[in-house]
Amino acid sequence: MKRRVTKAWIGAWMALATVSSPLVARATADLPNPNLRSNAFYIVDASDSKVLAARNERSAAPIASITKLMTALVVLDAHQPMDEIITITREDVRDTAKSGSRLAPGVRLSRSDLMHLALMSSENRAAHALCRSYPGGLRKCVAAMNEKAKSLGMSSARFVEPTGLSSSNVSSAVDLVKLVRAAAANPTIRRYSTDADHVVYVRGRPMEFRSTNSLVEKPGWQVTVQKTGYIAEAGRCLVMQAVIEGRDVVIVLLNSWGKFTRIADAKRVRDWVESSRPFDSG
């Protein structure tokens, strides 16, 4: 069954690979889209919400670990102590069995450290532990994620768990721009998601984690918020807000199948914006 679902998603993406909505076509009628490899993308000037470029932007699809931005938002909304110590449990291991982790059962970290690792290095057990320790538990946390999506106007979004390992966590690229902008408004998410590395202490020993997005430390890039994602059903995904030509630009890239394609596409977006100056058109 999993194989048939995966092929169905791939087929849906490929069938839509060259379709753009009339609304976006009008917004960028005088400019060609950047030559991106991602099957869906949505590029927006955050200062005035002008759409700069788009493809397949209204099709809901699996979003993988982009989910963790929503997890972080609802956990922060709950105003629990960030210095509270949370223990990784066997439940955290069981519910993230599709992925690896260096956080073994019994590891004790602060809520702050867990959020840092979830956003920066996409640590699945950390994200699960954050949601599990939410007031009312995992079920209440996921319910809050869906309520938050509604409050942000994310009509295509649906969440069933906090990590993104499930392909049932879905959204359109249009709605992910709303999520990115909400995340960018939160200073904790901005800082944690854009750090290049973070050290935690496990049983008294330092353990270093690195960012999953190499652009956060590349010269010439000013990334203000970001999140990567990958599962087979979603392909390689990347959402971010970055300062380009003095403007806050939101970039959503979904279903990039090459290992380095999403990063290369982000660079193509920046080159396209710098050369085409789409802010001045329309």
Protein backbone atom coordinates (compact mmCIF):
# COMPACT_ATOMS: atom_id res chain seq x y z
CA MET A 1 0.00 0.00 0.00
CA LYS A 2 2.81 2.42 0.87
CA ARG A 3 4.36 1.90 -2.57
CA ARG A 4 1.07 2.67 -4.35
CA VAL A 5 0.60 5.85 -2.29
CA THR A 6 4.12 6.99 -3.05
CA LYS A 7 3.67 6.45 -6.78
CA ALA A 8 0.38 8.28 -6.66
CA TRP A 9 2.04 11.32 -5.14
CA ILE A 10 4.84 11.20 -7.71
CA GLY A 11 2.31 10.92 -10.53
CA ALA A 12 0.31 13.84 -9.22
CA TRP A 13 3.41 16.01 -9.00
CA MET A 14 4.59 15.11 -12.50
CA ALA A 15 1.17 15.72 -14.01
CA LEU A 16 1.16 19.23 -12.55
CA ALA A 17 4.80 20.02 -13.24
CA THR A 18 4.19 22.80 -15.76
CA VAL A 19 0.93 24.29 -14.50
CA SER A 20 0.68 27.71 -12.80
CA SER A 21 -2.44 29.43 -11.54
CA PRO A 22 -3.94 32.35 -13.54
CA LEU A 23 -3.62 34.57 -10.45
CA VAL A 24 0.14 34.07 -10.29
CA ALA A 25 0.49 34.40 -14.05
CA ARG A 26 -1.08 37.88 -13.79
CA ALA A 27 1.15 38.84 -10.89
CA THR A 28 4.32 38.01 -12.85
CA ALA A 29 3.10 38.38 -16.42
CA ASP A 30 6.13 40.39 -17.56
CA LEU A 31 8.73 38.00 -16.13
CA PRO A 32 9.55 34.36 -16.84
CA ASN A 33 9.65 32.06 -13.86
CA PRO A 34 13.12 31.19 -12.55
CA ASN A 35 14.43 27.93 -13.94
CA LEU A 36 13.91 25.79 -10.84
CA ARG A 37 14.05 22.00 -10.49
CA SER A 38 11.55 21.78 -7.60
CA ASN A 39 8.17 20.53 -8.76
CA ALA A 40 6.34 23.18 -6.75
CA PHE A 41 7.51 26.60 -5.63
CA TYR A 42 6.12 29.88 -4.38
CA ILE A 43 8.24 33.03 -4.09
CA VAL A 44 6.75 36.06 -2.33
CA ASP A 45 7.95 39.54 -1.37
CA ALA A 46 7.07 39.61 2.34
CA SER A 47 6.99 43.41 2.48
CA ASP A 48 3.87 43.71 0.32
CA SER A 49 2.82 40.05 -0.26
CA LYS A 50 3.52 40.38 -3.98
CA VAL A 51 3.88 37.01 -5.72
CA LEU A 52 7.18 36.96 -7.62
CA ALA A 53 7.04 33.44 -9.10
CA ALA A 54 5.11 30.22 -8.66
CA ARG A 55 4.38 26.73 -9.93
CA ASN A 56 1.90 24.16 -8.62
CA GLU A 57 1.51 26.44 -5.63
CA ARG A 58 -2.05 25.45 -4.69
CA SER A 59 -1.63 21.67 -4.71
CA ALA A 60 -1.56 20.12 -1.23
CA ALA A 61 1.25 17.58 -0.79
CA PRO A 62 3.35 16.00 1.98
CA ILE A 63 5.62 18.57 3.65
CA ALA A 64 7.92 16.33 5.75
CA SER A 65 9.85 18.18 8.47
CA ILE A 66 8.51 21.59 7.47
CA THR A 67 5.92 20.35 10.01
CA LYS A 68 8.34 21.23 12.82
CA LEU A 69 7.76 24.96 12.30
CA MET A 70 4.12 24.42 13.27
CA THR A 71 5.14 22.21 16.20
CA ALA A 72 7.42 24.98 17.47
CA LEU A 73 4.72 27.63 17.09
CA VAL A 74 2.12 25.79 19.18
CA VAL A 75 4.64 24.75 21.84
CA LEU A 76 5.73 28.38 22.20
CA ASP A 77 2.09 29.49 22.26
CA ALA A 78 1.60 27.28 25.35
CA HIS A 79 4.15 29.36 27.30
CA GLN A 80 5.67 26.40 29.11
CA PRO A 81 9.02 26.98 30.86
CA MET A 82 11.80 26.72 28.30
CA ASP A 83 14.27 25.61 30.97
CA GLU A 84 12.09 22.68 32.07
CA ILE A 85 13.90 19.35 31.69
CA ILE A 86 12.22 16.75 29.47
CA THR A 87 13.29 13.11 29.27
CA ILE A 88 13.38 11.24 25.96
CA THR A 89 11.14 8.17 26.34
CA ARG A 90 10.58 4.89 24.53
CA GLU A 91 7.39 6.42 23.15
CA ASP A 92 9.50 9.10 21.44
CA VAL A 93 11.65 6.34 19.94
CA ARG A 94 8.70 4.18 18.88
CA ASP A 95 6.82 7.00 17.16
CA THR A 96 9.90 8.13 15.21
CA ALA A 97 11.10 4.66 14.24
CA LYS A 98 11.49 5.67 10.57
CA SER A 99 14.43 7.90 11.43
CA GLY A 100 17.71 7.76 13.28
CA SER A 101 18.64 9.80 16.34
CA ARG A 102 21.46 10.28 18.82
CA LEU A 103 18.97 11.02 21.59
CA ALA A 104 18.60 7.70 23.39
CA PRO A 105 15.81 6.91 25.88
CA GLY A 106 16.66 8.49 29.21
CA VAL A 107 18.45 11.53 27.74
CA ARG A 108 17.38 14.65 29.64
CA LEU A 109 17.38 18.04 27.89
CA SER A 110 15.65 21.35 28.42
CA ARG A 111 12.63 22.29 26.34
CA SER A 112 14.81 25.03 24.85
CA ASP A 113 17.49 22.55 23.72
CA LEU A 114 14.88 20.19 22.27
CA MET A 115 13.33 22.99 20.24
CA HIS A 116 16.77 24.13 19.09
CA LEU A 117 17.60 20.65 17.81
CA ALA A 118 14.18 20.15 16.21
CA LEU A 119 14.38 23.38 14.22
CA MET A 120 18.08 23.48 13.40
CA SER A 121 18.99 19.83 12.81
CA SER A 122 15.47 18.43 12.31
CA GLU A 123 15.76 16.08 15.30
CA ASN A 124 12.61 13.95 15.24
CA ARG A 125 12.74 12.61 18.80
CA ALA A 126 13.22 16.17 20.03
CA ALA A 127 10.12 17.34 18.14
CA HIS A 128 8.10 14.38 19.38
CA ALA A 129 9.14 15.01 22.99
CA LEU A 130 8.12 18.67 22.68
CA CYS A 131 4.65 17.71 21.51
CA ARG A 132 4.29 14.82 23.97
CA SER A 133 5.03 17.18 26.87
CA TYR A 134 2.51 19.77 25.62
CA PRO A 135 -0.39 20.44 28.04
CA GLY A 136 -2.80 17.56 27.51
CA GLY A 137 -0.25 15.45 25.66
CA LEU A 138 0.40 14.51 22.05
CA ARG A 139 -3.23 14.50 20.92
CA LYS A 140 -3.87 18.00 22.26
CA CYS A 141 -0.66 19.23 20.65
CA VAL A 142 -1.62 17.93 17.20
CA ALA A 143 -5.11 19.40 17.62
CA ALA A 144 -3.49 22.75 18.43
CA MET A 145 -1.36 22.48 15.29
CA ASN A 146 -4.46 22.09 13.14
CA GLU A 147 -6.23 24.93 14.95
CA LYS A 148 -3.19 27.15 14.45
CA ALA A 149 -3.21 26.31 10.75
CA LYS A 150 -6.85 27.41 10.54
CA SER A 151 -6.10 30.64 12.38
CA LEU A 152 -3.33 31.40 9.87
CA GLY A 153 -5.68 30.76 6.94
CA MET A 154 -3.90 27.57 5.88
CA SER A 155 -6.98 25.94 4.36
CA SER A 156 -5.05 23.10 2.67
CA ALA A 157 -2.97 22.14 5.72
CA ARG A 158 -3.50 19.00 7.82
CA PHE A 159 -1.30 17.57 10.58
CA VAL A 160 -1.47 14.13 12.20
CA GLU A 161 1.83 14.16 14.14
CA PRO A 162 4.58 16.64 15.10
CA THR A 163 7.69 15.49 13.20
CA GLY A 164 6.77 15.28 9.51
CA LEU A 165 7.59 11.58 9.23
CA SER A 166 3.98 10.93 8.19
CA SER A 167 3.02 11.67 4.59
CA SER A 168 -0.42 12.65 5.94
CA ASN A 169 1.04 15.98 7.06
CA VAL A 170 0.20 18.07 4.01
CA SER A 171 -0.05 21.66 2.79
CA SER A 172 0.12 23.71 -0.37
CA ALA A 173 3.05 26.01 -1.09
CA VAL A 174 0.70 29.00 -0.82
CA ASP A 175 -0.23 28.04 2.71
CA LEU A 176 3.36 27.33 3.69
CA VAL A 177 4.19 30.99 3.01
CA LYS A 178 1.72 31.82 5.78
CA LEU A 179 3.49 29.39 8.10
CA VAL A 180 6.92 30.81 7.26
CA ARG A 181 5.76 34.36 7.93
CA ALA A 182 4.26 33.35 11.28
CA ALA A 183 7.51 31.60 12.19
CA ALA A 184 9.56 34.60 11.10
CA ALA A 185 7.57 36.76 13.52
CA ASN A 186 8.81 34.65 16.44
CA PRO A 187 12.34 35.56 17.63
CA THR A 188 12.97 32.13 19.20
CA ILE A 189 12.15 30.28 15.97
CA ARG A 190 14.19 32.76 13.95
CA ARG A 191 17.26 32.27 16.13
CA TYR A 192 17.07 28.52 16.61
CA SER A 193 16.28 27.69 12.97
CA THR A 194 19.15 29.75 11.57
CA ASP A 195 21.96 28.66 13.90
CA ALA A 196 24.68 26.69 12.13
CA ASP A 197 25.39 24.44 15.13
CA HIS A 198 24.37 23.82 18.72
CA VAL A 199 25.98 21.85 21.54
CA VAL A 200 23.96 20.02 24.18
CA TYR A 201 25.26 18.09 27.16
CA VAL A 202 24.17 14.47 27.46
CA ARG A 203 25.16 12.79 30.71
CA GLY A 204 27.80 15.48 31.17
CA ARG A 205 29.36 15.11 27.73
CA PRO A 206 29.07 17.65 24.91
CA MET A 207 27.20 16.55 21.80
CA GLU A 208 27.31 18.82 18.75
CA PHE A 209 24.48 19.09 16.21
CA ARG A 210 24.65 20.85 12.84
CA SER A 211 22.11 22.64 10.70
CA THR A 212 20.47 20.73 7.85
CA ASN A 213 20.62 23.91 5.71
CA SER A 214 24.11 24.93 4.59
CA LEU A 215 22.87 28.37 3.49
CA VAL A 216 22.63 29.65 7.07
CA GLU A 217 26.41 30.04 7.18
CA LYS A 218 27.15 30.81 3.52
CA PRO A 219 28.71 34.23 2.81
CA GLY A 220 26.27 36.52 1.06
CA TRP A 221 23.18 34.91 2.56
CA GLN A 222 21.04 36.55 5.23
CA VAL A 223 18.54 33.85 6.22
CA THR A 224 16.01 35.00 8.82
CA VAL A 225 14.08 31.74 9.24
CA GLN A 226 14.31 28.34 7.57
CA LYS A 227 13.35 24.68 7.70
CA THR A 228 14.29 21.71 5.55
CA GLY A 229 12.36 18.47 5.12
CA TYR A 230 12.59 15.06 3.52
CA ILE A 231 10.60 11.85 3.31
CA ALA A 232 10.23 9.76 0.17
CA GLU A 233 6.66 10.90 -0.42
CA ALA A 234 7.57 14.60 -0.15
CA GLY A 235 10.96 14.69 -1.82
CA ARG A 236 13.46 17.30 -0.66
CA CYS A 237 11.75 20.41 0.69
CA LEU A 238 12.93 23.81 1.85
CA VAL A 239 11.13 26.86 3.19
CA MET A 240 12.90 30.03 4.20
CA GLN A 241 12.79 33.78 4.46
CA ALA A 242 15.92 35.61 3.39
CA VAL A 243 16.94 39.18 2.70
CA ILE A 244 17.58 39.58 -1.05
CA GLU A 245 18.19 42.98 -2.62
CA GLY A 246 17.19 44.54 0.68
CA ARG A 247 13.78 42.83 0.73
CA ASP A 248 12.42 39.98 2.84
CA VAL A 249 11.70 37.22 0.34
CA VAL A 250 9.82 34.05 1.31
CA ILE A 251 10.90 30.97 -0.65
CA VAL A 252 8.94 27.71 -0.62
CA LEU A 253 10.44 24.78 -2.55
CA LEU A 254 8.67 21.41 -2.55
CA ASN A 255 9.46 18.00 -3.99
CA SER A 256 13.05 18.39 -5.12
CA TRP A 257 14.30 14.87 -5.80
CA GLY A 258 18.04 15.46 -6.13
CA LYS A 259 19.98 15.58 -2.86
CA PHE A 260 21.30 19.09 -3.48
CA THR A 261 18.51 20.44 -5.67
CA ARG A 262 16.64 22.43 -3.03
CA ILE A 263 19.80 24.35 -2.05
CA ALA A 264 20.69 24.91 -5.70
CA ASP A 265 17.13 26.12 -6.36
CA ALA A 266 17.37 28.62 -3.50
CA LYS A 267 20.55 29.98 -5.08
CA ARG A 268 18.78 30.15 -8.44
CA VAL A 269 15.99 32.15 -6.82
CA ARG A 270 18.46 34.65 -5.39
CA ASP A 271 20.28 34.98 -8.72
CA TRP A 272 16.95 35.43 -10.52
CA VAL A 273 15.77 38.11 -8.09
CA GLU A 274 19.08 39.98 -8.30
CA SER A 275 19.10 39.91 -12.10
CA SER A 276 15.39 40.34 -12.86
CA ARG A 277 14.40 42.67 -10.00
CA PRO A 278 10.79 41.42 -9.94
CA PHE A 279 9.98 43.92 -7.14
CA ASP A 280 9.92 46.65 -9.77
CA SER A 281 7.53 44.91 -12.19
CA GLY A 282 3.78 44.49 -12.25
